[in-house]
């Protein structure tokens, strides 16, 4: 290591998850599973055209989020 170059240690950071973060992960996993199973049931009832509808809706949502992000 050269003289005069020192690596600063990050202060104030801890490794770990708090209870609030674990709760949010659990809620997100539950919601995601419910949406996945619900979509599967709807695709089984309506057929593969629903996949195209989901893709179009997702594309529109993507462009709306891009537009909101560029403000």
PDB file of N, CA and C in Angstrom:
ATOM      1  N   UNK A   1       0.834  -1.167   0.000  1.00  0.00           N
ATOM      2  CA  UNK A   1       0.000   0.000   0.000  1.00  0.00           C
ATOM      3  C   UNK A   1       0.887   1.240   0.000  1.00  0.00           C
ATOM      4  N   UNK A   2       0.506   2.229  -0.797  1.00  0.00           N
ATOM      5  CA  UNK A   2       1.293   3.455  -0.893  1.00  0.00           C
ATOM      6  C   UNK A   2       1.101   4.337   0.333  1.00  0.00           C
ATOM      7  N   UNK A   3       2.071   5.148   0.583  1.00  0.00           N
ATOM      8  CA  UNK A   3       1.950   6.099   1.684  1.00  0.00           C
ATOM      9  C   UNK A   3       0.908   7.157   1.347  1.00  0.00           C
ATOM     10  N   UNK A   4       0.129   7.527   2.350  1.00  0.00           N
ATOM     11  CA  UNK A   4      -0.858   8.582   2.172  1.00  0.00           C
ATOM     12  C   UNK A   4      -2.214   8.098   1.702  1.00  0.00           C
ATOM     13  N   UNK A   5      -2.323   6.861   1.273  1.00  0.00           N
ATOM     14  CA  UNK A   5      -3.621   6.323   0.848  1.00  0.00           C
ATOM     15  C   UNK A   5      -4.164   5.419   1.946  1.00  0.00           C
ATOM     16  N   UNK A   6      -5.240   5.843   2.524  1.00  0.00           N
ATOM     17  CA  UNK A   6      -5.863   5.053   3.571  1.00  0.00           C
ATOM     18  C   UNK A   6      -7.305   4.768   3.179  1.00  0.00           C
ATOM     19  N   UNK A   7      -7.733   3.587   3.466  1.00  0.00           N
ATOM     20  CA  UNK A   7      -9.112   3.211   3.176  1.00  0.00           C
ATOM     21  C   UNK A   7      -9.956   3.540   4.401  1.00  0.00           C
ATOM     22  N   UNK A   8     -10.974   4.338   4.185  1.00  0.00           N
ATOM     23  CA  UNK A   8     -11.852   4.728   5.299  1.00  0.00           C
ATOM     24  C   UNK A   8     -12.848   3.607   5.575  1.00  0.00           C
ATOM     25  N   UNK A   9     -12.984   3.281   6.819  1.00  0.00           N
ATOM     26  CA  UNK A   9     -13.956   2.269   7.229  1.00  0.00           C
ATOM     27  C   UNK A   9     -15.343   2.906   7.321  1.00  0.00           C
ATOM     28  N   UNK A  10     -16.366   2.259   6.770  1.00  0.00           N
ATOM     29  CA  UNK A  10     -17.716   2.825   6.886  1.00  0.00           C
ATOM     30  C   UNK A  10     -18.188   2.777   8.342  1.00  0.00           C
ATOM     31  N   UNK A  11     -18.659   3.900   8.811  1.00  0.00           N
ATOM     32  CA  UNK A  11     -19.096   3.974  10.194  1.00  0.00           C
ATOM     33  C   UNK A  11     -20.614   4.059  10.248  1.00  0.00           C
ATOM     34  N   UNK A  12     -21.191   3.453  11.264  1.00  0.00           N
ATOM     35  CA  UNK A  12     -22.620   3.550  11.475  1.00  0.00           C
ATOM     36  C   UNK A  12     -23.445   2.515  10.739  1.00  0.00           C
ATOM     37  N   UNK A  13     -22.819   1.631   9.992  1.00  0.00           N
ATOM     38  CA  UNK A  13     -23.565   0.611   9.268  1.00  0.00           C
ATOM     39  C   UNK A  13     -23.491  -0.716  10.003  1.00  0.00           C
ATOM     40  N   UNK A  14     -24.603  -1.444   9.976  1.00  0.00           N
ATOM     41  CA  UNK A  14     -24.645  -2.768  10.577  1.00  0.00           C
ATOM     42  C   UNK A  14     -25.189  -3.750   9.553  1.00  0.00           C
ATOM     43  N   UNK A  15     -24.772  -4.959   9.687  1.00  0.00           N
ATOM     44  CA  UNK A  15     -25.291  -5.999   8.822  1.00  0.00           C
ATOM     45  C   UNK A  15     -26.418  -6.715   9.563  1.00  0.00           C
ATOM     46  N   UNK A  16     -27.566  -6.793   8.949  1.00  0.00           N
ATOM     47  CA  UNK A  16     -28.693  -7.471   9.581  1.00  0.00           C
ATOM     48  C   UNK A  16     -30.013  -6.856   9.165  1.00  0.00           C
ATOM     49  N   UNK A  17     -31.074  -7.551   9.474  1.00  0.00           N
ATOM     50  CA  UNK A  17     -32.416  -7.092   9.144  1.00  0.00           C
ATOM     51  C   UNK A  17     -33.180  -6.827  10.432  1.00  0.00           C
ATOM     52  N   UNK A  18     -33.956  -5.764  10.407  1.00  0.00           N
ATOM     53  CA  UNK A  18     -34.813  -5.464  11.543  1.00  0.00           C
ATOM     54  C   UNK A  18     -36.132  -6.211  11.430  1.00  0.00           C
ATOM     55  N   UNK A  19     -36.920  -6.169  12.467  1.00  0.00           N
ATOM     56  CA  UNK A  19     -38.210  -6.881  12.443  1.00  0.00           C
ATOM     57  C   UNK A  19     -39.140  -6.288  11.398  1.00  0.00           C
ATOM     58  N   UNK A  20     -39.089  -4.976  11.226  1.00  0.00           N
ATOM     59  CA  UNK A  20     -39.955  -4.331  10.227  1.00  0.00           C
ATOM     60  C   UNK A  20     -39.619  -4.820   8.820  1.00  0.00           C
ATOM     61  N   UNK A  21     -38.345  -4.966   8.509  1.00  0.00           N
ATOM     62  CA  UNK A  21     -37.936  -5.432   7.189  1.00  0.00           C
ATOM     63  C   UNK A  21     -38.347  -6.877   6.960  1.00  0.00           C
ATOM     64  N   UNK A  22     -38.237  -7.705   7.981  1.00  0.00           N
ATOM     65  CA  UNK A  22     -38.643  -9.101   7.852  1.00  0.00           C
ATOM     66  C   UNK A  22     -40.153  -9.197   7.649  1.00  0.00           C
ATOM     67  N   UNK A  23     -40.917  -8.358   8.343  1.00  0.00           N
ATOM     68  CA  UNK A  23     -42.367  -8.347   8.160  1.00  0.00           C
ATOM     69  C   UNK A  23     -42.734  -7.939   6.735  1.00  0.00           C
ATOM     70  N   UNK A  24     -42.060  -6.926   6.202  1.00  0.00           N
ATOM     71  CA  UNK A  24     -42.349  -6.482   4.833  1.00  0.00           C
ATOM     72  C   UNK A  24     -41.987  -7.563   3.814  1.00  0.00           C
ATOM     73  N   UNK A  25     -40.901  -8.286   4.042  1.00  0.00           N
ATOM     74  CA  UNK A  25     -40.547  -9.396   3.152  1.00  0.00           C
ATOM     75  C   UNK A  25     -41.607 -10.488   3.190  1.00  0.00           C
ATOM     76  N   UNK A  26     -42.122 -10.781   4.369  1.00  0.00           N
ATOM     77  CA  UNK A  26     -43.152 -11.806   4.501  1.00  0.00           C
ATOM     78  C   UNK A  26     -44.444 -11.382   3.816  1.00  0.00           C
ATOM     79  N   UNK A  27     -44.831 -10.131   3.999  1.00  0.00           N
ATOM     80  CA  UNK A  27     -46.053  -9.641   3.362  1.00  0.00           C
ATOM     81  C   UNK A  27     -45.900  -9.656   1.843  1.00  0.00           C
ATOM     82  N   UNK A  28     -44.753  -9.208   1.348  1.00  0.00           N
ATOM     83  CA  UNK A  28     -44.506  -9.219  -0.089  1.00  0.00           C
ATOM     84  C   UNK A  28     -44.528 -10.623  -0.668  1.00  0.00           C
ATOM     85  N   UNK A  29     -43.967 -11.583   0.043  1.00  0.00           N
ATOM     86  CA  UNK A  29     -43.995 -12.971  -0.420  1.00  0.00           C
ATOM     87  C   UNK A  29     -45.396 -13.537  -0.463  1.00  0.00           C
ATOM     88  N   UNK A  30     -46.204 -13.188   0.531  1.00  0.00           N
ATOM     89  CA  UNK A  30     -47.584 -13.666   0.568  1.00  0.00           C
ATOM     90  C   UNK A  30     -48.401 -13.067  -0.566  1.00  0.00           C
ATOM     91  N   UNK A  31     -48.263 -11.775  -0.782  1.00  0.00           N
ATOM     92  CA  UNK A  31     -48.998 -11.116  -1.861  1.00  0.00           C
ATOM     93  C   UNK A  31     -48.555 -11.668  -3.216  1.00  0.00           C
ATOM     94  N   UNK A  32     -47.254 -11.848  -3.403  1.00  0.00           N
ATOM     95  CA  UNK A  32     -46.747 -12.380  -4.665  1.00  0.00           C
ATOM     96  C   UNK A  32     -47.257 -13.782  -4.951  1.00  0.00           C
ATOM     97  N   UNK A  33     -47.307 -14.621  -3.937  1.00  0.00           N
ATOM     98  CA  UNK A  33     -47.815 -15.975  -4.116  1.00  0.00           C
ATOM     99  C   UNK A  33     -49.294 -15.955  -4.476  1.00  0.00           C
ATOM    100  N   UNK A  34     -50.048 -15.096  -3.793  1.00  0.00           N
ATOM    101  CA  UNK A  34     -51.479 -14.987  -4.091  1.00  0.00           C
ATOM    102  C   UNK A  34     -51.732 -14.511  -5.506  1.00  0.00           C
ATOM    103  N   UNK A  35     -50.955 -13.534  -5.963  1.00  0.00           N
ATOM    104  CA  UNK A  35     -51.116 -13.049  -7.335  1.00  0.00           C
ATOM    105  C   UNK A  35     -50.742 -14.124  -8.354  1.00  0.00           C
ATOM    106  N   UNK A  36     -49.687 -14.860  -8.059  1.00  0.00           N
ATOM    107  CA  UNK A  36     -49.250 -15.916  -8.976  1.00  0.00           C
ATOM    108  C   UNK A  36     -50.312 -17.008  -9.094  1.00  0.00           C
ATOM    109  N   UNK A  37     -50.865 -17.449  -7.961  1.00  0.00           N
ATOM    110  CA  UNK A  37     -51.893 -18.486  -8.003  1.00  0.00           C
ATOM    111  C   UNK A  37     -53.173 -17.975  -8.639  1.00  0.00           C
ATOM    112  N   UNK A  38     -53.539 -16.725  -8.340  1.00  0.00           N
ATOM    113  CA  UNK A  38     -54.743 -16.149  -8.943  1.00  0.00           C
ATOM    114  C   UNK A  38     -54.619 -16.024 -10.450  1.00  0.00           C
ATOM    115  N   UNK A  39     -53.441 -15.626 -10.924  1.00  0.00           N
ATOM    116  CA  UNK A  39     -53.224 -15.511 -12.362  1.00  0.00           C
ATOM    117  C   UNK A  39     -53.297 -16.888 -13.020  1.00  0.00           C
ATOM    118  N   UNK A  40     -52.763 -17.900 -12.356  1.00  0.00           N
ATOM    119  CA  UNK A  40     -52.816 -19.253 -12.909  1.00  0.00           C
ATOM    120  C   UNK A  40     -54.241 -19.756 -13.051  1.00  0.00           C
ATOM    121  N   UNK A  41     -55.068 -19.489 -12.047  1.00  0.00           N
ATOM    122  CA  UNK A  41     -56.470 -19.897 -12.121  1.00  0.00           C
ATOM    123  C   UNK A  41     -57.193 -19.162 -13.243  1.00  0.00           C
ATOM    124  N   UNK A  42     -56.935 -17.871 -13.384  1.00  0.00           N
ATOM    125  CA  UNK A  42     -57.584 -17.088 -14.436  1.00  0.00           C
ATOM    126  C   UNK A  42     -57.132 -17.530 -15.821  1.00  0.00           C
ATOM    127  N   UNK A  43     -55.860 -17.859 -15.980  1.00  0.00           N
ATOM    128  CA  UNK A  43     -55.367 -18.341 -17.269  1.00  0.00           C
ATOM    129  C   UNK A  43     -55.993 -19.693 -17.600  1.00  0.00           C
ATOM    130  N   UNK A  44     -56.180 -20.536 -16.590  1.00  0.00           N
ATOM    131  CA  UNK A  44     -56.818 -21.838 -16.829  1.00  0.00           C
ATOM    132  C   UNK A  44     -58.265 -21.665 -17.280  1.00  0.00           C
ATOM    133  N   UNK A  45     -58.946 -20.654 -16.748  1.00  0.00           N
ATOM    134  CA  UNK A  45     -60.349 -20.423 -17.126  1.00  0.00           C
ATOM    135  C   UNK A  45     -60.472 -19.733 -18.483  1.00  0.00           C
ATOM    136  N   UNK A  46     -59.686 -18.675 -18.715  1.00  0.00           N
ATOM    137  CA  UNK A  46     -59.857 -17.838 -19.901  1.00  0.00           C
ATOM    138  C   UNK A  46     -59.012 -18.281 -21.082  1.00  0.00           C
ATOM    139  N   UNK A  47     -57.947 -19.004 -20.826  1.00  0.00           N
ATOM    140  CA  UNK A  47     -57.087 -19.443 -21.919  1.00  0.00           C
ATOM    141  C   UNK A  47     -55.866 -18.567 -22.070  1.00  0.00           C
ATOM    142  N   UNK A  48     -55.040 -18.874 -23.046  1.00  0.00           N
ATOM    143  CA  UNK A  48     -53.764 -18.178 -23.205  1.00  0.00           C
ATOM    144  C   UNK A  48     -53.891 -16.716 -23.640  1.00  0.00           C
ATOM    145  N   UNK A  49     -55.063 -16.284 -24.098  1.00  0.00           N
ATOM    146  CA  UNK A  49     -55.213 -14.879 -24.487  1.00  0.00           C
ATOM    147  C   UNK A  49     -55.031 -13.943 -23.293  1.00  0.00           C
ATOM    148  N   UNK A  50     -55.258 -14.463 -22.102  1.00  0.00           N
ATOM    149  CA  UNK A  50     -55.080 -13.647 -20.903  1.00  0.00           C
ATOM    150  C   UNK A  50     -53.612 -13.294 -20.677  1.00  0.00           C
ATOM    151  N   UNK A  51     -52.724 -14.161 -21.105  1.00  0.00           N
ATOM    152  CA  UNK A  51     -51.288 -13.872 -20.989  1.00  0.00           C
ATOM    153  C   UNK A  51     -50.937 -12.654 -21.844  1.00  0.00           C
ATOM    154  N   UNK A  52     -51.500 -12.580 -23.048  1.00  0.00           N
ATOM    155  CA  UNK A  52     -51.280 -11.423 -23.913  1.00  0.00           C
ATOM    156  C   UNK A  52     -51.857 -10.162 -23.275  1.00  0.00           C
ATOM    157  N   UNK A  53     -53.010 -10.270 -22.665  1.00  0.00           N
ATOM    158  CA  UNK A  53     -53.626  -9.126 -21.990  1.00  0.00           C
ATOM    159  C   UNK A  53     -52.754  -8.661 -20.839  1.00  0.00           C
ATOM    160  N   UNK A  54     -52.218  -9.577 -20.040  1.00  0.00           N
ATOM    161  CA  UNK A  54     -51.310  -9.222 -18.949  1.00  0.00           C
ATOM    162  C   UNK A  54     -50.055  -8.534 -19.494  1.00  0.00           C
ATOM    163  N   UNK A  55     -49.540  -9.017 -20.613  1.00  0.00           N
ATOM    164  CA  UNK A  55     -48.336  -8.430 -21.204  1.00  0.00           C
ATOM    165  C   UNK A  55     -48.595  -7.000 -21.683  1.00  0.00           C
ATOM    166  N   UNK A  56     -49.745  -6.777 -22.326  1.00  0.00           N
ATOM    167  CA  UNK A  56     -50.080  -5.429 -22.799  1.00  0.00           C
ATOM    168  C   UNK A  56     -50.262  -4.480 -21.618  1.00  0.00           C
ATOM    169  N   UNK A  57     -50.973  -4.926 -20.585  1.00  0.00           N
ATOM    170  CA  UNK A  57     -51.176  -4.098 -19.399  1.00  0.00           C
ATOM    171  C   UNK A  57     -49.835  -3.800 -18.718  1.00  0.00           C
ATOM    172  N   UNK A  58     -48.952  -4.779 -18.646  1.00  0.00           N
ATOM    173  CA  UNK A  58     -47.632  -4.576 -18.056  1.00  0.00           C
ATOM    174  C   UNK A  58     -46.796  -3.596 -18.859  1.00  0.00           C
ATOM    175  N   UNK A  59     -46.898  -3.651 -20.175  1.00  0.00           N
ATOM    176  CA  UNK A  59     -46.167  -2.718 -21.029  1.00  0.00           C
ATOM    177  C   UNK A  59     -46.675  -1.287 -20.820  1.00  0.00           C
ATOM    178  N   UNK A  60     -47.980  -1.128 -20.737  1.00  0.00           N
ATOM    179  CA  UNK A  60     -48.536   0.201 -20.481  1.00  0.00           C
ATOM    180  C   UNK A  60     -48.085   0.716 -19.120  1.00  0.00           C
ATOM    181  N   UNK A  61     -48.107  -0.142 -18.121  1.00  0.00           N
ATOM    182  CA  UNK A  61     -47.667   0.260 -16.794  1.00  0.00           C
ATOM    183  C   UNK A  61     -46.188   0.629 -16.798  1.00  0.00           C
ATOM    184  N   UNK A  62     -45.398  -0.102 -17.563  1.00  0.00           N
ATOM    185  CA  UNK A  62     -43.972   0.205 -17.678  1.00  0.00           C
ATOM    186  C   UNK A  62     -43.765   1.619 -18.217  1.00  0.00           C
ATOM    187  N   UNK A  63     -44.508   1.978 -19.269  1.00  0.00           N
ATOM    188  CA  UNK A  63     -44.343   3.309 -19.870  1.00  0.00           C
ATOM    189  C   UNK A  63     -44.849   4.403 -18.939  1.00  0.00           C
ATOM    190  N   UNK A  64     -45.890   4.140 -18.189  1.00  0.00           N
ATOM    191  CA  UNK A  64     -46.369   5.128 -17.214  1.00  0.00           C
ATOM    192  C   UNK A  64     -45.303   5.349 -16.139  1.00  0.00           C
ATOM    193  N   UNK A  65     -44.703   4.287 -15.635  1.00  0.00           N
ATOM    194  CA  UNK A  65     -43.666   4.426 -14.615  1.00  0.00           C
ATOM    195  C   UNK A  65     -42.436   5.130 -15.181  1.00  0.00           C
ATOM    196  N   UNK A  66     -42.085   4.880 -16.438  1.00  0.00           N
ATOM    197  CA  UNK A  66     -40.959   5.587 -17.063  1.00  0.00           C
ATOM    198  C   UNK A  66     -41.249   7.071 -17.183  1.00  0.00           C
ATOM    199  N   UNK A  67     -42.508   7.395 -17.536  1.00  0.00           N
ATOM    200  CA  UNK A  67     -42.887   8.800 -17.672  1.00  0.00           C
ATOM    201  C   UNK A  67     -42.849   9.496 -16.317  1.00  0.00           C
ATOM    202  N   UNK A  68     -43.274   8.820 -15.282  1.00  0.00           N
ATOM    203  CA  UNK A  68     -43.246   9.405 -13.936  1.00  0.00           C
ATOM    204  C   UNK A  68     -41.811   9.583 -13.444  1.00  0.00           C
ATOM    205  N   UNK A  69     -40.935   8.688 -13.847  1.00  0.00           N
ATOM    206  CA  UNK A  69     -39.549   8.761 -13.417  1.00  0.00           C
ATOM    207  C   UNK A  69     -38.750   9.847 -14.099  1.00  0.00           C
ATOM    208  N   UNK A  70     -39.204  10.321 -15.249  1.00  0.00           N
ATOM    209  CA  UNK A  70     -38.436  11.319 -15.980  1.00  0.00           C
ATOM    210  C   UNK A  70     -38.801  12.751 -15.585  1.00  0.00           C
ATOM    211  N   UNK A  71     -39.740  12.907 -14.678  1.00  0.00           N
ATOM    212  CA  UNK A  71     -40.154  14.265 -14.270  1.00  0.00           C
ATOM    213  C   UNK A  71     -39.104  14.934 -13.423  1.00  0.00           C
TER     214      UNK A  71
END
